[in-house]
Amino acid sequence: TVLMCRGKARQDFKGPDCRFVNFKKGEAVYVYYKLIGKSIELWAGSVGSDFGYFPKDLLEINHSYSNEELELPTDVSLIWGAYCF
């Protein structure tokens, strides 16, 4: 896992389940993965010790750590079959 970038949350976000990371406006968010799908683009990152997905449009990038991006095919559904404990 490589840290791609860091940004500041544009607004509060409360995810629909435990796979999403929650944050408050102005909090620092660290991005590790950029997922591109058919409907919305989600990124995966951390806020403090919490890790999860969030909509990319909610982040204002203020520092990039890597200019390299690698696109990998994924077969993950973020809508159905969630298991949160």
Protein backbone atom coordinates (compact mmCIF):
# COMPACT_ATOMS: atom_id res chain seq x y z
CA THR A 1 0.00 0.00 0.00
CA VAL A 2 1.35 3.39 -1.04
CA LEU A 3 0.13 6.75 0.20
CA MET A 4 -1.03 8.61 -2.93
CA CYS A 5 -2.16 11.97 -1.59
CA ARG A 6 -3.51 13.94 1.34
CA GLY A 7 -6.43 16.30 1.36
CA LYS A 8 -8.87 18.25 3.43
CA ALA A 9 -12.53 17.23 3.73
CA ARG A 10 -14.80 19.74 1.94
CA GLN A 11 -17.79 18.77 4.10
CA ASP A 12 -18.92 16.29 6.72
CA PHE A 13 -19.43 12.71 5.50
CA LYS A 14 -21.22 9.85 7.25
CA GLY A 15 -20.97 6.61 5.28
CA PRO A 16 -23.90 4.22 4.84
CA ASP A 17 -22.08 1.34 6.59
CA CYS A 18 -18.79 0.26 8.18
CA ARG A 19 -16.93 0.00 4.86
CA PHE A 20 -16.93 3.80 4.61
CA VAL A 21 -14.80 6.22 6.62
CA ASN A 22 -16.59 9.11 8.35
CA PHE A 23 -15.07 12.56 8.60
CA LYS A 24 -15.82 16.16 9.48
CA LYS A 25 -15.27 19.21 7.29
CA GLY A 26 -11.63 20.31 7.47
CA GLU A 27 -10.22 16.97 8.67
CA ALA A 28 -7.10 15.56 7.00
CA VAL A 29 -7.85 12.51 4.81
CA TYR A 30 -5.08 10.27 3.46
CA VAL A 31 -5.75 8.51 0.13
CA TYR A 32 -4.35 5.04 -0.61
CA TYR A 33 -6.61 3.81 -3.43
CA LYS A 34 -8.65 5.46 -6.18
CA LEU A 35 -11.49 3.20 -7.31
CA ILE A 36 -13.19 4.00 -10.59
CA GLY A 37 -16.59 2.46 -11.21
CA LYS A 38 -19.56 2.83 -13.50
CA SER A 39 -21.65 5.07 -11.24
CA ILE A 40 -19.52 7.06 -8.79
CA GLU A 41 -15.83 7.28 -8.10
CA LEU A 42 -14.84 6.21 -4.63
CA TRP A 43 -11.48 6.57 -3.03
CA ALA A 44 -10.20 4.59 -0.08
CA GLY A 45 -8.25 6.21 2.68
CA SER A 46 -7.84 6.94 6.33
CA VAL A 47 -8.80 9.55 8.89
CA GLY A 48 -6.83 8.96 12.06
CA SER A 49 -6.88 5.20 12.64
CA ASP A 50 -10.12 4.65 10.67
CA PHE A 51 -9.97 3.32 7.09
CA GLY A 52 -12.69 3.12 4.45
CA TYR A 53 -14.28 4.40 1.25
CA PHE A 54 -15.57 7.90 0.53
CA PRO A 55 -16.75 9.87 -2.54
CA LYS A 56 -13.73 11.53 -4.17
CA ASP A 57 -15.58 14.81 -4.70
CA LEU A 58 -15.60 15.44 -0.94
CA LEU A 59 -11.82 15.87 -0.80
CA GLU A 60 -9.70 18.91 -1.65
CA ILE A 61 -6.21 17.58 -2.46
CA ASN A 62 -3.46 19.64 -0.88
CA HIS A 63 -0.44 17.33 -1.25
CA SER A 64 0.46 14.52 -3.68
CA TYR A 65 2.96 11.87 -2.64
CA SER A 66 2.99 9.91 -5.90
CA ASN A 67 2.33 10.85 -9.51
CA GLU A 68 2.12 7.22 -10.61
CA GLU A 69 -1.27 5.58 -10.89
CA LEU A 70 -1.90 1.94 -11.72
CA GLU A 71 -5.32 0.85 -12.94
CA LEU A 72 -6.31 -2.65 -11.87
CA PRO A 73 -9.54 -4.45 -12.72
CA THR A 74 -11.68 -5.05 -9.66
CA ASP A 75 -14.76 -7.14 -9.03
CA VAL A 76 -16.03 -5.72 -5.77
CA SER A 77 -19.58 -4.69 -5.04
CA LEU A 78 -19.86 -1.81 -2.59
CA ILE A 79 -23.64 -1.91 -2.63
CA TRP A 80 -24.74 -5.44 -1.72
CA GLY A 81 -23.51 -8.03 0.72
CA ALA A 82 -21.95 -5.81 3.35
CA TYR A 83 -20.87 -7.42 6.58
CA CYS A 84 -20.17 -5.03 9.41
CA PHE A 85 -19.36 -6.16 12.90
